[in-house]
Amino acid sequence: MIRSHFAGLLAAGIVAATFAALGQADDPQRGRDIIMQQKLGHAQKVLEGLAIKDFALIEKHADELGVLSKRAEWLVLKTPEYTRHSDDFRRQCETMSRMAKEKNLDGCALAYVQMTMTCVNCHKYVREVRIAQATR
């Protein structure tokens, strides 16, 4: 009984995710907005993990951030600078995850700060590029 209920919930989740993905394909901006909201949620969970010294929480959400950064919706610009920012972000996520496995809270915190600075710098860069493109 529980197994069939779980299977039904799993199937419903897959259907919902499929429709969400199809909707994102039709509206790239909506897909980017969703992925940025997910990024914010995972970053907040990492911060929570840092605050309560929950290495499993840090590792899980650092890994999720890395996965998000590889999705197509993540790619906003096709420039070497944007690629560098994305690569830096992924490296910081990997470092955070590794530090969590090693139960190194200071290492996790440092990687989190560096990841956050990478986000801020990337968003600044994207805004500057878009403003420059809009004035042409």
C-alpha atoms as a PDB file:
ATOM      1  CA  MET A   1       0.000   0.000   0.000  1.00  0.00           C
ATOM      2  CA  ILE A   2       2.718   2.486   1.004  1.00  0.00           C
ATOM      3  CA  ARG A   3       4.842   1.425  -1.942  1.00  0.00           C
ATOM      4  CA  SER A   4       2.019   2.043  -4.459  1.00  0.00           C
ATOM      5  CA  HIS A   5       1.255   5.415  -2.842  1.00  0.00           C
ATOM      6  CA  PHE A   6       4.931   6.372  -3.121  1.00  0.00           C
ATOM      7  CA  ALA A   7       5.022   5.232  -6.762  1.00  0.00           C
ATOM      8  CA  GLY A   8       1.987   7.390  -7.510  1.00  0.00           C
ATOM      9  CA  LEU A   9       3.594  10.434  -5.910  1.00  0.00           C
ATOM     10  CA  LEU A  10       6.811   9.779  -7.797  1.00  0.00           C
ATOM     11  CA  ALA A  11       4.938   9.530 -11.107  1.00  0.00           C
ATOM     12  CA  ALA A  12       3.057  12.751 -10.386  1.00  0.00           C
ATOM     13  CA  GLY A  13       6.343  14.475  -9.598  1.00  0.00           C
ATOM     14  CA  ILE A  14       7.883  13.302 -12.857  1.00  0.00           C
ATOM     15  CA  VAL A  15       4.887  14.553 -14.839  1.00  0.00           C
ATOM     16  CA  ALA A  16       5.010  17.928 -13.068  1.00  0.00           C
ATOM     17  CA  ALA A  17       8.749  18.258 -13.689  1.00  0.00           C
ATOM     18  CA  THR A  18       8.275  17.403 -17.363  1.00  0.00           C
ATOM     19  CA  PHE A  19       5.619  20.081 -17.801  1.00  0.00           C
ATOM     20  CA  ALA A  20       7.793  22.587 -15.936  1.00  0.00           C
ATOM     21  CA  ALA A  21      10.728  21.780 -18.226  1.00  0.00           C
ATOM     22  CA  LEU A  22       8.565  22.163 -21.311  1.00  0.00           C
ATOM     23  CA  GLY A  23       7.381  25.529 -20.074  1.00  0.00           C
ATOM     24  CA  GLN A  24      10.952  26.643 -19.519  1.00  0.00           C
ATOM     25  CA  ALA A  25      11.912  25.681 -23.049  1.00  0.00           C
ATOM     26  CA  ASP A  26       9.241  28.033 -24.414  1.00  0.00           C
ATOM     27  CA  ASP A  27      10.392  30.975 -22.278  1.00  0.00           C
ATOM     28  CA  PRO A  28      14.150  31.102 -21.701  1.00  0.00           C
ATOM     29  CA  GLN A  29      13.856  34.053 -19.284  1.00  0.00           C
ATOM     30  CA  ARG A  30      11.378  32.131 -17.141  1.00  0.00           C
ATOM     31  CA  GLY A  31      13.782  29.184 -17.099  1.00  0.00           C
ATOM     32  CA  ARG A  32      16.617  31.461 -15.957  1.00  0.00           C
ATOM     33  CA  ASP A  33      14.405  33.022 -13.280  1.00  0.00           C
ATOM     34  CA  ILE A  34      13.504  29.574 -11.964  1.00  0.00           C
ATOM     35  CA  ILE A  35      17.098  28.373 -11.905  1.00  0.00           C
ATOM     36  CA  MET A  36      18.212  31.539 -10.093  1.00  0.00           C
ATOM     37  CA  GLN A  37      15.491  31.006  -7.483  1.00  0.00           C
ATOM     38  CA  GLN A  38      16.694  27.430  -7.052  1.00  0.00           C
ATOM     39  CA  LYS A  39      20.287  28.690  -6.752  1.00  0.00           C
ATOM     40  CA  LEU A  40      19.225  31.115  -4.030  1.00  0.00           C
ATOM     41  CA  GLY A  41      17.378  28.355  -2.161  1.00  0.00           C
ATOM     42  CA  HIS A  42      20.384  26.029  -2.217  1.00  0.00           C
ATOM     43  CA  ALA A  43      22.738  28.852  -1.188  1.00  0.00           C
ATOM     44  CA  GLN A  44      20.475  29.622   1.765  1.00  0.00           C
ATOM     45  CA  LYS A  45      20.533  25.948   2.771  1.00  0.00           C
ATOM     46  CA  VAL A  46      24.335  25.952   2.625  1.00  0.00           C
ATOM     47  CA  LEU A  47      24.359  29.017   4.878  1.00  0.00           C
ATOM     48  CA  GLU A  48      21.978  27.238   7.252  1.00  0.00           C
ATOM     49  CA  GLY A  49      24.325  24.253   7.287  1.00  0.00           C
ATOM     50  CA  LEU A  50      27.247  26.531   8.087  1.00  0.00           C
ATOM     51  CA  ALA A  51      25.337  28.177  10.923  1.00  0.00           C
ATOM     52  CA  ILE A  52      24.368  24.894  12.579  1.00  0.00           C
ATOM     53  CA  LYS A  53      27.499  22.946  11.566  1.00  0.00           C
ATOM     54  CA  ASP A  54      25.519  20.409   9.530  1.00  0.00           C
ATOM     55  CA  PHE A  55      28.062  19.021   7.085  1.00  0.00           C
ATOM     56  CA  ALA A  56      25.523  16.769   5.336  1.00  0.00           C
ATOM     57  CA  LEU A  57      23.324  19.794   4.579  1.00  0.00           C
ATOM     58  CA  ILE A  58      26.291  21.784   3.296  1.00  0.00           C
ATOM     59  CA  GLU A  59      27.486  18.943   1.081  1.00  0.00           C
ATOM     60  CA  LYS A  60      24.041  18.196  -0.333  1.00  0.00           C
ATOM     61  CA  HIS A  61      23.280  21.770  -1.315  1.00  0.00           C
ATOM     62  CA  ALA A  62      26.808  22.542  -2.531  1.00  0.00           C
ATOM     63  CA  ASP A  63      26.436  19.537  -4.850  1.00  0.00           C
ATOM     64  CA  GLU A  64      22.995  20.741  -5.973  1.00  0.00           C
ATOM     65  CA  LEU A  65      24.453  24.153  -6.788  1.00  0.00           C
ATOM     66  CA  GLY A  66      27.088  22.480  -8.929  1.00  0.00           C
ATOM     67  CA  VAL A  67      24.427  20.481 -10.767  1.00  0.00           C
ATOM     68  CA  LEU A  68      22.346  23.616 -11.389  1.00  0.00           C
ATOM     69  CA  SER A  69      25.348  25.389 -12.876  1.00  0.00           C
ATOM     70  CA  LYS A  70      25.562  22.736 -15.589  1.00  0.00           C
ATOM     71  CA  ARG A  71      21.967  23.140 -16.800  1.00  0.00           C
ATOM     72  CA  ALA A  72      21.282  24.846 -20.125  1.00  0.00           C
ATOM     73  CA  GLU A  73      19.245  27.609 -18.484  1.00  0.00           C
ATOM     74  CA  TRP A  74      22.364  28.642 -16.576  1.00  0.00           C
ATOM     75  CA  LEU A  75      24.079  29.836 -19.762  1.00  0.00           C
ATOM     76  CA  VAL A  76      23.188  33.496 -20.089  1.00  0.00           C
ATOM     77  CA  LEU A  77      26.100  34.736 -22.201  1.00  0.00           C
ATOM     78  CA  LYS A  78      28.539  33.018 -24.508  1.00  0.00           C
ATOM     79  CA  THR A  79      31.683  34.915 -23.591  1.00  0.00           C
ATOM     80  CA  PRO A  80      35.014  33.828 -22.127  1.00  0.00           C
ATOM     81  CA  GLU A  81      34.421  36.056 -19.069  1.00  0.00           C
ATOM     82  CA  TYR A  82      31.042  34.462 -18.357  1.00  0.00           C
ATOM     83  CA  THR A  83      32.548  30.998 -18.790  1.00  0.00           C
ATOM     84  CA  ARG A  84      35.284  31.920 -16.299  1.00  0.00           C
ATOM     85  CA  HIS A  85      32.694  33.046 -13.744  1.00  0.00           C
ATOM     86  CA  SER A  86      30.715  29.816 -14.192  1.00  0.00           C
ATOM     87  CA  ASP A  87      33.834  27.674 -13.895  1.00  0.00           C
ATOM     88  CA  ASP A  88      34.868  29.540 -10.735  1.00  0.00           C
ATOM     89  CA  PHE A  89      31.389  28.995  -9.284  1.00  0.00           C
ATOM     90  CA  ARG A  90      31.558  25.250  -9.955  1.00  0.00           C
ATOM     91  CA  ARG A  91      35.044  25.017  -8.411  1.00  0.00           C
ATOM     92  CA  GLN A  92      33.828  26.744  -5.256  1.00  0.00           C
ATOM     93  CA  CYS A  93      30.854  24.370  -5.039  1.00  0.00           C
ATOM     94  CA  GLU A  94      33.195  21.396  -5.409  1.00  0.00           C
ATOM     95  CA  THR A  95      35.494  22.814  -2.734  1.00  0.00           C
ATOM     96  CA  MET A  96      32.558  23.359  -0.375  1.00  0.00           C
ATOM     97  CA  SER A  97      31.391  19.808  -0.888  1.00  0.00           C
ATOM     98  CA  ARG A  98      34.895  18.422  -0.349  1.00  0.00           C
ATOM     99  CA  MET A  99      35.380  20.516   2.798  1.00  0.00           C
ATOM    100  CA  ALA A 100      32.029  19.261   4.111  1.00  0.00           C
ATOM    101  CA  LYS A 101      33.156  15.666   3.556  1.00  0.00           C
ATOM    102  CA  GLU A 102      36.329  16.493   5.489  1.00  0.00           C
ATOM    103  CA  LYS A 103      34.215  18.169   8.213  1.00  0.00           C
ATOM    104  CA  ASN A 104      36.199  21.384   7.772  1.00  0.00           C
ATOM    105  CA  LEU A 105      33.799  24.189   8.728  1.00  0.00           C
ATOM    106  CA  ASP A 106      36.288  26.982   8.060  1.00  0.00           C
ATOM    107  CA  GLY A 107      37.017  25.555   4.612  1.00  0.00           C
ATOM    108  CA  CYS A 108      33.281  25.332   3.884  1.00  0.00           C
ATOM    109  CA  ALA A 109      32.753  28.906   5.027  1.00  0.00           C
ATOM    110  CA  LEU A 110      35.620  30.221   2.925  1.00  0.00           C
ATOM    111  CA  ALA A 111      34.357  28.403  -0.179  1.00  0.00           C
ATOM    112  CA  TYR A 112      30.851  29.775   0.497  1.00  0.00           C
ATOM    113  CA  VAL A 113      32.166  33.354   0.690  1.00  0.00           C
ATOM    114  CA  GLN A 114      34.218  32.864  -2.478  1.00  0.00           C
ATOM    115  CA  MET A 115      31.207  31.332  -4.254  1.00  0.00           C
ATOM    116  CA  THR A 116      29.063  34.283  -3.184  1.00  0.00           C
ATOM    117  CA  MET A 117      31.642  36.772  -4.478  1.00  0.00           C
ATOM    118  CA  THR A 118      31.725  34.873  -7.756  1.00  0.00           C
ATOM    119  CA  CYS A 119      27.930  35.216  -7.980  1.00  0.00           C
ATOM    120  CA  VAL A 120      28.042  38.943  -7.263  1.00  0.00           C
ATOM    121  CA  ASN A 121      30.820  39.529  -9.799  1.00  0.00           C
ATOM    122  CA  CYS A 122      29.073  37.446 -12.458  1.00  0.00           C
ATOM    123  CA  HIS A 123      25.743  39.208 -11.985  1.00  0.00           C
ATOM    124  CA  LYS A 124      27.540  42.554 -12.181  1.00  0.00           C
ATOM    125  CA  TYR A 125      29.257  41.463 -15.398  1.00  0.00           C
ATOM    126  CA  VAL A 126      25.995  40.264 -16.967  1.00  0.00           C
ATOM    127  CA  ARG A 127      24.262  43.567 -16.114  1.00  0.00           C
ATOM    128  CA  GLU A 128      27.124  45.545 -17.644  1.00  0.00           C
ATOM    129  CA  VAL A 129      27.060  43.484 -20.842  1.00  0.00           C
ATOM    130  CA  ARG A 130      23.291  43.818 -21.161  1.00  0.00           C
ATOM    131  CA  ILE A 131      23.426  47.586 -20.630  1.00  0.00           C
ATOM    132  CA  ALA A 132      26.163  47.850 -23.274  1.00  0.00           C
ATOM    133  CA  GLN A 133      24.104  45.741 -25.701  1.00  0.00           C
ATOM    134  CA  ALA A 134      20.976  47.824 -25.066  1.00  0.00           C
ATOM    135  CA  THR A 135      22.761  51.092 -25.865  1.00  0.00           C
ATOM    136  CA  ARG A 136      23.987  49.896 -29.263  1.00  0.00           C
END
